[in-house]
N, C-alpha and C. Protein backbone atom coordinates (compact mmCIF):
# COMPACT_ATOMS: atom_id res chain seq x y z
N UNK A 1 82.01 113.43 92.00
CA UNK A 1 83.08 112.77 92.00
C UNK A 1 84.76 113.12 91.52
N UNK A 2 85.32 112.10 92.51
CA UNK A 2 86.61 112.71 92.20
C UNK A 2 86.88 112.13 91.38
N UNK A 3 88.58 112.70 90.60
CA UNK A 3 88.52 112.06 88.98
C UNK A 3 90.35 111.59 89.29
N UNK A 4 90.09 109.96 88.85
CA UNK A 4 91.75 109.47 89.18
C UNK A 4 92.66 109.41 87.36
N UNK A 5 93.75 109.65 88.03
CA UNK A 5 95.09 109.18 86.73
C UNK A 5 95.22 108.16 86.63
N UNK A 6 95.14 107.25 85.73
CA UNK A 6 95.62 105.92 86.31
C UNK A 6 97.05 105.97 84.76
N UNK A 7 98.13 105.16 84.60
CA UNK A 7 98.92 105.10 84.13
C UNK A 7 98.87 105.19 82.47
N UNK A 8 98.93 105.81 81.69
CA UNK A 8 98.40 105.70 80.42
C UNK A 8 98.66 104.02 79.86
N UNK A 9 97.04 103.88 79.49
CA UNK A 9 96.99 102.99 78.37
C UNK A 9 96.44 101.48 79.37
N UNK A 10 97.10 101.29 80.44
CA UNK A 10 96.64 100.22 81.49
C UNK A 10 95.18 100.18 81.64
N UNK A 11 94.46 101.17 82.30
CA UNK A 11 93.28 101.13 81.97
C UNK A 11 92.45 100.51 81.01
N UNK A 12 93.14 101.40 79.99
CA UNK A 12 92.23 100.99 78.24
C UNK A 12 92.18 99.36 78.36
N UNK A 13 93.30 98.86 78.26
CA UNK A 13 93.95 97.28 77.89
C UNK A 13 93.15 96.80 79.05
N UNK A 14 93.01 96.88 79.95
CA UNK A 14 91.95 96.19 80.97
C UNK A 14 90.35 96.19 80.32
N UNK A 15 90.17 97.30 80.12
CA UNK A 15 88.72 97.69 79.94
C UNK A 15 88.24 96.57 78.57
N UNK A 16 89.23 96.54 77.56
CA UNK A 16 89.33 95.94 76.14
C UNK A 16 89.48 94.34 76.60
N UNK A 17 90.17 94.49 77.89
CA UNK A 17 90.09 92.67 78.24
C UNK A 17 89.13 92.04 78.54
N UNK A 18 88.21 92.65 79.39
CA UNK A 18 87.33 92.31 79.93
C UNK A 18 85.74 92.58 79.29
N UNK A 19 86.03 93.37 78.26
CA UNK A 19 84.63 93.64 77.17
C UNK A 19 84.67 92.54 76.13
N UNK A 20 86.03 92.24 75.60
CA UNK A 20 86.12 90.92 74.72
C UNK A 20 85.73 89.46 75.49
N UNK A 21 86.08 89.39 76.97
CA UNK A 21 86.19 88.36 77.84
C UNK A 21 84.71 88.07 77.49
N UNK A 22 83.50 89.08 77.57
CA UNK A 22 82.36 88.87 77.53
C UNK A 22 81.54 88.77 76.49
N UNK A 23 82.59 89.04 75.17
CA UNK A 23 82.13 89.03 73.82
C UNK A 23 80.98 90.21 73.99
N UNK A 24 81.73 91.45 74.05
CA UNK A 24 81.36 92.49 73.61
C UNK A 24 81.50 93.51 72.75
N UNK A 25 80.88 94.39 72.09
CA UNK A 25 81.38 94.96 71.20
C UNK A 25 81.48 96.58 72.34
N UNK A 26 81.93 97.78 71.09
CA UNK A 26 82.27 98.92 72.21
C UNK A 26 80.87 99.43 72.34
N UNK A 27 80.00 99.01 71.49
CA UNK A 27 78.59 99.97 71.61
C UNK A 27 77.98 98.73 72.77
N UNK A 28 78.15 97.54 72.84
CA UNK A 28 77.43 96.95 73.93
C UNK A 28 77.74 97.24 75.51
N UNK A 29 79.29 97.20 75.13
CA UNK A 29 79.63 98.39 76.47
C UNK A 29 79.00 99.51 76.99
N UNK A 30 79.14 100.45 76.10
CA UNK A 30 78.32 101.75 75.99
C UNK A 30 77.34 101.96 76.40
N UNK A 31 76.42 100.59 76.22
CA UNK A 31 74.65 100.71 76.24
C UNK A 31 74.78 100.27 77.82
N UNK A 32 75.51 98.74 78.03
CA UNK A 32 75.58 98.27 79.44
C UNK A 32 75.41 99.57 80.34
N UNK A 33 77.02 100.27 80.35
CA UNK A 33 77.07 101.21 81.21
C UNK A 33 76.80 102.42 81.14
N UNK A 34 75.69 102.45 80.45
CA UNK A 34 75.41 104.27 80.09
C UNK A 34 75.85 105.27 79.55
N UNK A 35 76.74 104.78 78.56
CA UNK A 35 77.72 105.82 78.33
C UNK A 35 77.58 106.03 76.72
N UNK A 36 78.56 106.78 76.05
CA UNK A 36 78.24 106.66 74.86
C UNK A 36 79.02 106.11 74.37
N UNK A 37 78.98 105.36 72.75
CA UNK A 37 80.00 104.41 72.39
C UNK A 37 81.64 105.46 71.96
N UNK A 38 82.10 106.56 72.11
CA UNK A 38 82.62 106.94 71.88
C UNK A 38 83.69 107.57 72.82
N UNK A 39 82.68 107.72 74.25
CA UNK A 39 83.86 107.31 75.16
C UNK A 39 84.31 106.03 75.29
N UNK A 40 83.65 105.32 75.02
CA UNK A 40 84.36 104.05 75.67
C UNK A 40 85.54 103.90 74.76
N UNK A 41 85.19 104.01 73.13
CA UNK A 41 86.49 104.29 72.62
C UNK A 41 88.01 104.97 72.82
N UNK A 42 87.33 106.13 73.29
CA UNK A 42 88.23 106.97 74.31
C UNK A 42 89.27 106.56 75.05
N UNK A 43 88.00 106.14 76.01
CA UNK A 43 88.79 105.58 77.18
C UNK A 43 90.09 104.14 77.25
N UNK A 44 89.50 103.21 76.26
CA UNK A 44 90.14 101.88 75.91
C UNK A 44 91.57 102.41 75.22
N UNK A 45 91.62 103.61 74.32
CA UNK A 45 92.87 103.68 73.03
C UNK A 45 93.62 105.24 73.74
N UNK A 46 93.38 105.82 74.93
CA UNK A 46 93.56 107.34 75.29
C UNK A 46 94.41 107.02 76.78
N UNK A 47 95.58 107.71 77.01
CA UNK A 47 96.04 107.89 78.39
C UNK A 47 94.85 108.67 79.15
N UNK A 48 93.60 107.87 79.77
CA UNK A 48 93.07 108.78 80.36
C UNK A 48 92.73 108.71 81.41
N UNK A 49 91.98 109.57 82.03
CA UNK A 49 91.51 109.90 83.60
C UNK A 49 90.04 110.03 83.70
N UNK A 50 89.23 109.23 84.42
CA UNK A 50 87.57 109.36 84.38
C UNK A 50 87.46 109.32 85.72
N UNK A 51 86.45 109.75 85.59
CA UNK A 51 85.82 110.00 87.34
C UNK A 51 85.13 108.97 87.49
N UNK A 52 84.84 108.92 89.13
CA UNK A 52 84.67 107.69 89.69
C UNK A 52 83.46 107.15 89.60
N UNK A 53 82.36 107.55 89.12
CA UNK A 53 81.10 107.76 88.94
C UNK A 53 81.87 106.36 87.80
N UNK A 54 81.91 107.64 86.34
CA UNK A 54 82.14 106.32 84.90
C UNK A 54 83.22 105.13 85.26
N UNK A 55 84.27 105.23 86.50
CA UNK A 55 84.56 103.51 86.65
C UNK A 55 83.82 102.81 87.04
N UNK A 56 83.04 103.03 88.19
CA UNK A 56 82.06 102.25 89.13
C UNK A 56 81.04 101.65 87.95
N UNK A 57 80.87 102.24 87.10
CA UNK A 57 79.81 101.57 85.63
C UNK A 57 80.42 101.22 84.89
N UNK A 58 81.48 101.46 84.53
CA UNK A 58 82.30 100.36 84.11
C UNK A 58 82.21 98.84 84.04
N UNK A 59 82.88 98.94 85.63
CA UNK A 59 83.38 97.97 86.50
C UNK A 59 82.04 96.80 86.43
N UNK A 60 81.22 97.82 86.89
CA UNK A 60 79.80 96.77 86.76
C UNK A 60 79.26 96.82 85.92
N UNK A 61 79.69 97.25 84.40
CA UNK A 61 79.51 96.71 83.25
C UNK A 61 79.85 95.57 82.62
N UNK A 62 81.42 95.46 82.90
CA UNK A 62 82.39 94.42 82.89
C UNK A 62 82.12 92.95 84.16
N UNK A 63 81.20 93.20 84.97
CA UNK A 63 81.18 92.53 85.40
C UNK A 63 82.32 92.16 86.06
N UNK A 64 83.44 92.81 86.95
CA UNK A 64 84.70 93.01 87.91
C UNK A 64 84.41 94.28 88.79
N UNK A 65 85.53 94.53 89.20
CA UNK A 65 85.53 95.41 90.50
C UNK A 65 86.85 96.56 89.77
N UNK A 66 86.54 97.97 90.43
CA UNK A 66 87.47 99.09 90.36
C UNK A 66 89.08 98.83 90.33
N UNK A 67 89.19 97.80 91.35
CA UNK A 67 90.73 97.72 91.92
C UNK A 67 90.83 96.62 91.05
N UNK A 68 90.50 95.92 89.87
CA UNK A 68 90.90 94.99 89.25
C UNK A 68 90.97 96.24 87.73
N UNK A 69 90.32 96.87 87.69
CA UNK A 69 90.22 97.73 86.23
C UNK A 69 91.87 98.46 86.71
N UNK A 70 91.85 99.00 88.06
CA UNK A 70 92.86 100.30 88.17
C UNK A 70 94.34 99.41 88.44
N UNK A 71 94.36 98.21 88.33
CA UNK A 71 95.67 97.61 88.45
C UNK A 71 96.09 97.05 89.45
N UNK A 72 95.15 96.89 90.78
CA UNK A 72 95.40 96.75 92.03
C UNK A 72 96.18 95.62 92.42
N UNK A 73 96.95 95.11 93.08
CA UNK A 73 98.06 94.29 93.28
C UNK A 73 98.78 94.58 92.59
N UNK A 74 99.61 95.63 91.96
CA UNK A 74 100.85 95.78 90.99
C UNK A 74 102.08 95.05 91.90
N UNK A 75 101.87 95.57 93.12
CA UNK A 75 103.72 94.83 93.62
C UNK A 75 103.40 93.30 94.24
N UNK A 76 102.39 92.59 93.52
CA UNK A 76 102.17 91.22 93.88
C UNK A 76 103.46 90.69 92.85
N UNK A 77 103.87 89.47 93.11
CA UNK A 77 104.52 88.45 92.03
C UNK A 77 103.38 88.34 90.41
N UNK A 78 104.17 88.45 89.50
CA UNK A 78 102.77 88.44 88.33
C UNK A 78 102.33 87.04 88.10
N UNK A 79 101.74 87.22 87.55
CA UNK A 79 101.22 85.48 87.35
C UNK A 79 100.40 84.97 87.86
N UNK A 80 99.64 86.12 88.80
CA UNK A 80 98.54 85.11 89.80
C UNK A 80 97.37 85.16 89.18
N UNK A 81 96.86 85.29 88.34
CA UNK A 81 95.60 85.59 87.77
C UNK A 81 95.73 84.20 87.14
N UNK A 82 94.23 83.82 87.06
CA UNK A 82 93.92 82.62 86.11
C UNK A 82 94.27 82.52 85.00
N UNK A 83 94.68 81.17 84.12
CA UNK A 83 95.39 81.15 82.78
C UNK A 83 94.53 81.28 81.53
N UNK A 84 94.54 81.51 80.53
CA UNK A 84 93.83 81.81 79.23
C UNK A 84 92.94 80.60 79.25
N UNK A 85 91.54 80.67 78.59
CA UNK A 85 90.47 79.63 78.57
C UNK A 85 91.32 78.59 77.92
N UNK A 86 91.68 78.76 76.78
CA UNK A 86 92.59 77.76 75.60
C UNK A 86 94.01 78.48 75.69
N UNK A 87 94.68 77.99 76.88
CA UNK A 87 96.17 78.50 76.45
C UNK A 87 96.95 77.32 75.10
N UNK A 88 97.69 78.11 74.43
CA UNK A 88 98.44 77.75 73.55
C UNK A 88 100.13 78.02 73.72
N UNK A 89 100.95 76.91 73.99
CA UNK A 89 102.12 76.99 73.88
C UNK A 89 103.18 76.88 73.02
N UNK A 90 104.36 77.61 72.59
CA UNK A 90 104.79 77.20 71.35
C UNK A 90 105.90 77.33 71.20
N UNK A 91 107.24 77.02 70.46
CA UNK A 91 108.54 77.21 70.80
C UNK A 91 108.95 78.42 69.92
N UNK A 92 109.52 79.09 70.48
CA UNK A 92 110.34 80.33 69.75
C UNK A 92 111.66 80.27 68.15
N UNK A 93 111.86 80.52 67.64
CA UNK A 93 113.38 79.89 66.76
C UNK A 93 113.98 80.99 67.58
N UNK A 94 115.44 81.09 67.43
CA UNK A 94 116.45 81.54 67.85
C UNK A 94 115.89 83.26 67.38
N UNK A 95 116.26 83.55 66.27
CA UNK A 95 115.89 84.67 65.81
C UNK A 95 114.81 85.53 66.06
N UNK A 96 114.06 84.72 66.68
CA UNK A 96 112.46 85.71 67.11
C UNK A 96 112.71 85.94 68.68
N UNK A 97 113.74 85.01 68.80
CA UNK A 97 114.36 84.87 70.33
C UNK A 97 115.33 86.30 70.72
N UNK A 98 115.81 86.64 70.04
CA UNK A 98 116.55 87.55 69.73
C UNK A 98 116.40 89.31 69.76
N UNK A 99 115.39 88.77 68.65
CA UNK A 99 114.37 90.18 68.31
C UNK A 99 113.99 90.30 69.42
N UNK A 100 112.71 89.83 70.22
CA UNK A 100 112.19 90.42 71.40
C UNK A 100 113.26 90.57 72.84
N UNK A 101 114.76 90.15 72.56
CA UNK A 101 115.12 90.62 74.19
C UNK A 101 116.19 91.78 73.85
N UNK A 102 116.06 91.87 71.98
CA UNK A 102 117.25 92.97 71.26
C UNK A 102 116.69 94.62 71.99
N UNK A 103 115.85 94.97 72.39
CA UNK A 103 115.89 96.44 72.97
C UNK A 103 116.29 96.60 74.37
N UNK A 104 116.63 95.40 75.14
CA UNK A 104 117.39 95.51 76.71
C UNK A 104 116.15 95.72 77.59
N UNK A 105 116.39 95.87 79.14
CA UNK A 105 115.34 95.80 80.12
C UNK A 105 116.39 94.95 80.80
N UNK A 106 115.58 94.39 81.89
CA UNK A 106 115.75 93.66 82.73
C UNK A 106 115.88 92.05 82.51
N UNK A 107 117.23 91.53 83.18
CA UNK A 107 117.21 89.94 82.88
C UNK A 107 117.45 89.39 84.14
N UNK A 108 117.11 88.12 84.17
CA UNK A 108 118.25 87.29 85.02
C UNK A 108 119.17 86.56 85.14
N UNK A 109 120.16 86.56 85.50
CA UNK A 109 121.40 85.46 85.01
C UNK A 109 121.39 84.44 86.55
N UNK A 110 121.89 83.39 85.49
CA UNK A 110 121.95 82.07 86.43
C UNK A 110 123.05 81.45 86.73
N UNK A 111 123.73 81.52 87.72
CA UNK A 111 125.00 81.14 87.96
C UNK A 111 125.63 80.50 88.73
N UNK A 112 126.65 79.48 89.08
CA UNK A 112 126.60 78.82 90.64
C UNK A 112 127.55 79.91 91.09
N UNK A 113 127.17 79.90 92.15
CA UNK A 113 128.13 80.60 92.79
C UNK A 113 128.76 80.34 94.11
N UNK A 114 129.06 81.00 95.02
CA UNK A 114 130.23 80.38 96.05
C UNK A 114 129.18 79.84 96.99
N UNK A 115 128.35 80.25 97.50
CA UNK A 115 127.21 79.79 98.22
C UNK A 115 126.13 79.04 97.33
N UNK A 116 126.19 78.57 96.38
CA UNK A 116 125.15 77.59 95.43
C UNK A 116 124.77 78.24 94.20
N UNK A 117 123.99 77.55 93.64
CA UNK A 117 123.19 78.07 92.60
C UNK A 117 122.59 79.85 92.71
N UNK A 118 122.62 80.59 92.10
CA UNK A 118 122.37 81.68 92.39
C UNK A 118 121.27 82.63 90.81
N UNK A 119 120.64 83.39 91.72
CA UNK A 119 120.04 84.08 90.00
C UNK A 119 119.28 85.48 90.41
N UNK A 120 119.94 86.43 89.43
CA UNK A 120 120.15 87.76 90.53
C UNK A 120 119.78 88.27 89.00
N UNK A 121 118.78 89.64 89.47
CA UNK A 121 118.32 90.27 87.97
C UNK A 121 119.66 91.64 87.67
N UNK A 122 119.69 91.35 86.46
CA UNK A 122 120.38 92.69 85.84
C UNK A 122 119.64 93.66 84.71
N UNK A 123 120.62 94.79 84.96
CA UNK A 123 119.82 95.65 83.57
C UNK A 123 121.03 95.19 82.27
N UNK A 124 120.33 95.03 81.44
CA UNK A 124 121.10 94.53 80.16
C UNK A 124 120.73 95.31 78.58
N UNK A 125 121.96 95.69 77.97
CA UNK A 125 121.65 95.49 76.36
C UNK A 125 121.71 94.59 75.87
N UNK A 126 121.67 94.22 74.22
CA UNK A 126 121.85 93.40 73.17
C UNK A 126 123.14 94.45 72.71
N UNK A 127 124.41 94.06 72.08
CA UNK A 127 125.25 94.53 71.73
C UNK A 127 126.29 93.55 70.88
N UNK A 128 126.01 93.66 69.20
CA UNK A 128 126.91 92.92 68.58
C UNK A 128 126.76 91.52 68.83
N UNK A 129 125.24 91.31 68.92
CA UNK A 129 125.01 89.73 69.45
C UNK A 129 125.06 89.23 70.69
N UNK A 130 125.98 90.00 71.68
CA UNK A 130 126.00 89.31 72.68
C UNK A 130 125.04 89.98 73.77
N UNK A 131 125.07 89.73 75.21
CA UNK A 131 124.70 90.48 76.49
C UNK A 131 125.42 91.06 77.13
N UNK A 132 125.21 92.39 77.45
CA UNK A 132 126.14 93.25 78.35
C UNK A 132 125.46 93.91 79.05
N UNK A 133 126.27 93.60 80.35
CA UNK A 133 125.74 94.08 81.46
C UNK A 133 126.63 94.53 82.71
N UNK A 134 126.47 95.57 83.23
CA UNK A 134 127.42 96.02 84.53
C UNK A 134 127.01 95.14 85.73
N UNK A 135 128.25 94.84 86.66
CA UNK A 135 128.51 94.45 88.20
C UNK A 135 129.04 95.06 89.15
N UNK A 136 129.37 94.98 90.52
CA UNK A 136 130.20 95.17 91.06
C UNK A 136 131.41 94.66 91.31
N UNK A 137 132.51 94.92 90.96
CA UNK A 137 133.66 94.32 91.56
C UNK A 137 134.03 93.51 92.72
N UNK A 138 134.03 92.29 92.54
CA UNK A 138 134.15 91.58 94.24
C UNK A 138 132.49 90.97 94.52
N UNK A 139 131.76 91.06 93.35
CA UNK A 139 130.35 90.70 93.79
C UNK A 139 130.33 89.24 93.29
N UNK A 140 129.06 88.75 93.48
CA UNK A 140 128.82 87.28 93.24
C UNK A 140 129.23 86.78 91.82
N UNK A 141 128.67 87.90 90.92
CA UNK A 141 128.35 87.50 89.58
C UNK A 141 130.30 87.82 89.25
N UNK A 142 130.22 89.03 89.55
CA UNK A 142 131.99 89.18 89.06
C UNK A 142 133.10 88.12 89.65
N UNK A 143 132.60 87.76 90.72
CA UNK A 143 133.81 86.88 91.19
C UNK A 143 133.56 84.98 90.43
N UNK A 144 132.27 84.73 90.38
CA UNK A 144 132.33 83.62 89.37
C UNK A 144 132.80 83.81 88.37
N UNK A 145 132.73 84.68 87.14
CA UNK A 145 133.55 84.90 86.21
C UNK A 145 134.97 84.71 86.06
N UNK A 146 135.11 85.19 87.28
CA UNK A 146 136.85 85.39 87.04
C UNK A 146 137.08 83.93 87.62
N UNK A 147 137.26 83.07 87.42
CA UNK A 147 137.34 81.43 88.04
C UNK A 147 138.98 81.57 87.98
N UNK A 148 140.03 82.41 87.80
CA UNK A 148 141.35 82.24 88.46
C UNK A 148 141.91 81.25 87.37
N UNK A 149 141.03 80.56 86.19
CA UNK A 149 141.99 79.27 85.56
C UNK A 149 141.89 79.69 84.30
N UNK A 150 142.87 79.75 83.66
CA UNK A 150 143.39 80.49 82.57
C UNK A 150 142.78 79.33 81.63
N UNK A 151 142.43 79.83 80.65
CA UNK A 151 140.87 78.80 79.95
C UNK A 151 139.78 78.27 80.10
N UNK A 152 139.94 78.27 81.24
CA UNK A 152 138.10 77.90 81.97
C UNK A 152 137.08 79.24 81.46
N UNK A 153 136.36 78.68 81.08
CA UNK A 153 134.84 79.49 80.81
C UNK A 153 133.63 79.21 81.90
N UNK A 154 133.03 80.74 82.11
CA UNK A 154 131.76 80.18 82.97
C UNK A 154 130.49 80.32 82.18
N UNK A 155 129.83 78.97 81.96
CA UNK A 155 128.79 79.20 81.35
C UNK A 155 127.60 79.41 81.68
N UNK A 156 126.76 80.43 82.21
CA UNK A 156 125.59 81.19 82.74
C UNK A 156 124.63 80.79 81.72
N UNK A 157 123.34 80.59 82.69
CA UNK A 157 121.99 81.17 82.18
C UNK A 157 121.72 82.70 82.02
N UNK A 158 120.87 82.83 81.07
CA UNK A 158 119.99 84.31 81.38
C UNK A 158 119.07 84.15 80.33
N UNK A 159 117.92 84.83 81.64
CA UNK A 159 116.46 85.00 81.05
C UNK A 159 115.85 86.05 81.46
N UNK A 160 114.71 86.16 80.03
CA UNK A 160 114.37 87.21 80.10
C UNK A 160 112.63 87.09 79.77
N UNK A 161 111.58 87.60 80.27
CA UNK A 161 110.39 87.37 79.76
C UNK A 161 109.49 88.37 79.88
N UNK A 162 108.56 88.56 79.64
CA UNK A 162 107.40 89.06 79.76
C UNK A 162 105.68 88.31 79.90
N UNK A 163 105.10 88.82 80.49
CA UNK A 163 104.46 88.52 80.89
C UNK A 163 102.67 89.77 81.15
N UNK A 164 101.86 89.30 80.13
CA UNK A 164 101.01 90.29 79.80
C UNK A 164 99.39 89.72 80.72
N UNK A 165 99.15 90.86 81.76
CA UNK A 165 98.50 89.90 82.89
C UNK A 165 96.68 90.21 82.56
N UNK A 166 96.70 91.20 81.33
CA UNK A 166 95.80 91.63 81.09
C UNK A 166 95.31 90.45 80.51
N UNK A 167 96.11 90.53 79.20
CA UNK A 167 95.48 88.97 78.02
C UNK A 167 96.07 87.86 78.31
N UNK A 168 96.10 87.76 79.49
CA UNK A 168 97.17 86.41 79.95
C UNK A 168 97.87 85.67 78.75
N UNK A 169 98.90 86.46 78.37
CA UNK A 169 99.65 85.60 77.37
C UNK A 169 101.02 86.26 77.84
N UNK A 170 102.15 85.49 77.07
CA UNK A 170 103.48 85.72 77.59
C UNK A 170 104.50 85.45 77.47
N UNK A 171 105.50 85.36 77.17
CA UNK A 171 107.01 84.62 76.20
C UNK A 171 108.39 84.45 77.45
N UNK A 172 109.37 83.99 77.62
CA UNK A 172 110.28 83.75 77.79
C UNK A 172 111.71 83.65 76.79
N UNK A 173 112.40 83.80 76.76
CA UNK A 173 113.94 83.51 76.18
C UNK A 173 114.69 82.96 76.97
N UNK A 174 115.73 81.87 76.65
CA UNK A 174 116.27 81.71 77.75
C UNK A 174 118.21 81.62 76.94
N UNK A 175 118.62 82.10 77.14
CA UNK A 175 120.35 82.12 76.31
C UNK A 175 121.71 81.69 77.72
N UNK A 176 122.10 80.50 76.93
CA UNK A 176 123.41 80.00 77.70
C UNK A 176 124.35 80.20 76.79
N UNK A 177 125.52 80.39 77.44
CA UNK A 177 126.42 80.64 76.80
C UNK A 177 127.63 80.86 77.71
N UNK A 178 128.83 81.04 77.78
CA UNK A 178 130.01 81.70 78.20
C UNK A 178 130.09 83.34 78.69
N UNK A 179 130.53 83.10 80.25
CA UNK A 179 130.52 85.15 80.26
C UNK A 179 131.81 85.26 80.54
N UNK A 180 132.01 86.80 79.68
CA UNK A 180 133.34 87.14 79.87
C UNK A 180 133.44 88.55 80.68
N UNK A 181 134.46 88.83 81.47
CA UNK A 181 134.85 90.63 81.48
C UNK A 181 134.93 91.04 80.24
N UNK A 182 134.59 92.42 80.04
CA UNK A 182 134.74 92.74 78.73
C UNK A 182 135.88 93.58 78.78
N UNK A 183 137.41 93.04 77.79
CA UNK A 183 138.57 93.70 77.80
C UNK A 183 138.75 95.10 77.72
N UNK A 184 139.92 95.22 78.21
CA UNK A 184 140.53 96.46 78.44
C UNK A 184 140.25 97.60 76.94
N UNK A 185 140.42 96.82 76.17
CA UNK A 185 140.22 97.58 74.75
C UNK A 185 138.92 97.59 74.30
N UNK A 186 138.04 96.74 74.38
CA UNK A 186 136.59 96.66 74.27
C UNK A 186 135.84 97.69 75.34
N UNK A 187 136.60 97.80 76.16
CA UNK A 187 135.31 98.55 77.14
C UNK A 187 134.59 100.08 76.72
N UNK A 188 135.58 100.88 76.22
CA UNK A 188 135.23 102.21 75.67
C UNK A 188 133.29 101.45 74.93
N UNK A 189 134.07 100.75 73.97
CA UNK A 189 132.99 100.78 73.22
C UNK A 189 131.32 99.99 74.01
N UNK A 190 131.44 99.13 75.19
CA UNK A 190 130.73 98.27 75.80
C UNK A 190 130.22 99.61 76.60
N UNK A 191 130.78 100.64 77.32
CA UNK A 191 130.08 101.71 77.51
C UNK A 191 129.37 102.30 77.19
N UNK A 192 130.15 102.35 75.70
CA UNK A 192 128.26 103.15 74.46
C UNK A 192 127.49 102.66 74.56
N UNK A 193 126.87 101.58 74.77
CA UNK A 193 125.42 100.72 74.82
C UNK A 193 124.73 101.84 75.91
N UNK A 194 125.51 102.09 76.57
CA UNK A 194 124.36 102.82 77.73
C UNK A 194 123.65 102.02 78.81
N UNK A 195 124.09 101.02 79.14
CA UNK A 195 123.38 100.02 79.96
C UNK A 195 123.65 100.91 81.37
N UNK A 196 122.80 100.85 82.25
CA UNK A 196 122.80 101.58 83.49
C UNK A 196 121.82 100.86 84.09
N UNK A 197 122.60 100.47 85.24
CA UNK A 197 122.01 99.32 86.36
C UNK A 197 121.19 100.49 87.54
N UNK A 198 120.03 99.75 87.39
CA UNK A 198 118.78 100.74 88.12
C UNK A 198 119.37 100.29 90.32
N UNK A 199 119.85 99.31 89.89
CA UNK A 199 120.46 99.11 91.20
C UNK A 199 121.56 100.64 91.95
N UNK A 200 121.88 100.93 90.78
CA UNK A 200 122.89 102.33 91.65
C UNK A 200 124.35 102.04 91.39
N UNK A 201 125.09 102.43 92.68
CA UNK A 201 126.47 102.35 93.28
C UNK A 201 127.35 102.24 91.85
N UNK A 202 128.65 101.77 92.68
CA UNK A 202 129.37 101.61 91.75
C UNK A 202 129.77 100.39 90.52
N UNK A 203 129.13 99.46 90.07
CA UNK A 203 129.10 98.84 88.76
C UNK A 203 129.82 98.87 87.88
N UNK A 204 131.34 98.76 87.95
CA UNK A 204 132.02 99.08 86.87
C UNK A 204 132.53 97.78 85.72
N UNK A 205 132.10 96.72 86.37
CA UNK A 205 132.79 95.55 86.03
C UNK A 205 131.54 95.22 84.57
N UNK A 206 132.27 95.46 83.14
CA UNK A 206 131.21 95.15 82.01
C UNK A 206 131.42 93.58 81.87
N UNK A 207 130.19 92.98 81.93
CA UNK A 207 130.53 91.35 81.34
C UNK A 207 129.53 91.32 80.15
N UNK A 208 130.02 90.40 79.52
CA UNK A 208 129.64 90.16 77.98
C UNK A 208 129.10 88.31 78.17
N UNK A 209 127.86 88.49 77.82
CA UNK A 209 127.31 86.73 77.52
C UNK A 209 127.46 86.52 75.71
N UNK A 210 128.31 85.16 75.36
CA UNK A 210 127.94 85.20 74.42
C UNK A 210 127.30 83.87 74.18
N UNK A 211 126.14 84.06 73.37
CA UNK A 211 124.94 83.39 73.45
C UNK A 211 125.50 81.83 72.46
N UNK A 212 124.98 80.78 73.30
CA UNK A 212 125.59 79.70 72.07
C UNK A 212 124.73 78.47 72.16
N UNK A 213 123.49 78.83 73.20
CA UNK A 213 121.84 78.49 72.46
C UNK A 213 120.83 79.31 73.27
N UNK A 214 120.37 79.59 72.27
CA UNK A 214 119.09 80.24 72.24
C UNK A 214 117.68 79.70 72.52
N UNK A 215 117.24 79.52 73.20
CA UNK A 215 116.01 79.30 73.04
C UNK A 215 114.23 80.02 73.68
N UNK A 216 113.02 80.06 73.50
CA UNK A 216 111.96 80.66 73.69
C UNK A 216 111.07 79.51 73.61
N UNK A 217 109.77 80.53 74.50
CA UNK A 217 108.28 79.56 74.36
C UNK A 217 107.42 80.94 74.52
N UNK A 218 106.21 81.08 73.89
CA UNK A 218 105.54 81.85 73.49
C UNK A 218 103.77 81.19 74.59
N UNK A 219 103.85 82.08 75.32
CA UNK A 219 101.99 81.49 75.60
C UNK A 219 100.81 82.49 75.09
N UNK A 220 99.74 82.09 74.10
CA UNK A 220 98.18 82.58 73.71
C UNK A 220 97.44 81.85 74.03
N UNK A 221 97.00 83.29 74.15
CA UNK A 221 95.42 82.58 74.47
C UNK A 221 94.43 82.75 73.45
N UNK A 222 93.38 81.19 73.48
CA UNK A 222 92.42 81.66 72.63
C UNK A 222 91.12 81.01 72.81
């Protein structure tokens, strides 16, 4: 049988999710699949590569498909799977929201551009309590910030979320506040955050969003 290598942790998380969905212990799953319990533990907790035969046996024991265990459909928009059996939605306080987005990553900035409401993804960092990202001079975001009116602030929305498809859980954080160009005397400090746009190209306009309103929600399944 051939051997497949999958992304570290993904296969194990999916196996654990389906095992718990069926109310099985690792020993139960091992018995169903005709495997040693230690092997099930290894696959769930390690970045493992397994044979086609083992994958087929696990899928059958878990009443799912090999494609599901391997994360087929990764290019599809997230959240297409069914909701958790008993989802619970609750609000997050501002401190928890900032803790969640503190590591940086990819968020979506929403603003009113020349062509109407616009939402764009950006790579960001959190620096001294503010959101910092880079964009292109003359681009829609940079032009929107550059209102040309002294004392006029552009208030925008900035959203970050995380979706755990395996466990049918997730959270979202919304930051609202004025956006400004980083001033020349602060440019070196902003560049020191190390924020790098995945889109590449010349994106030398640093924008800072100062949070005025912070809210968030988390979905858990029970």
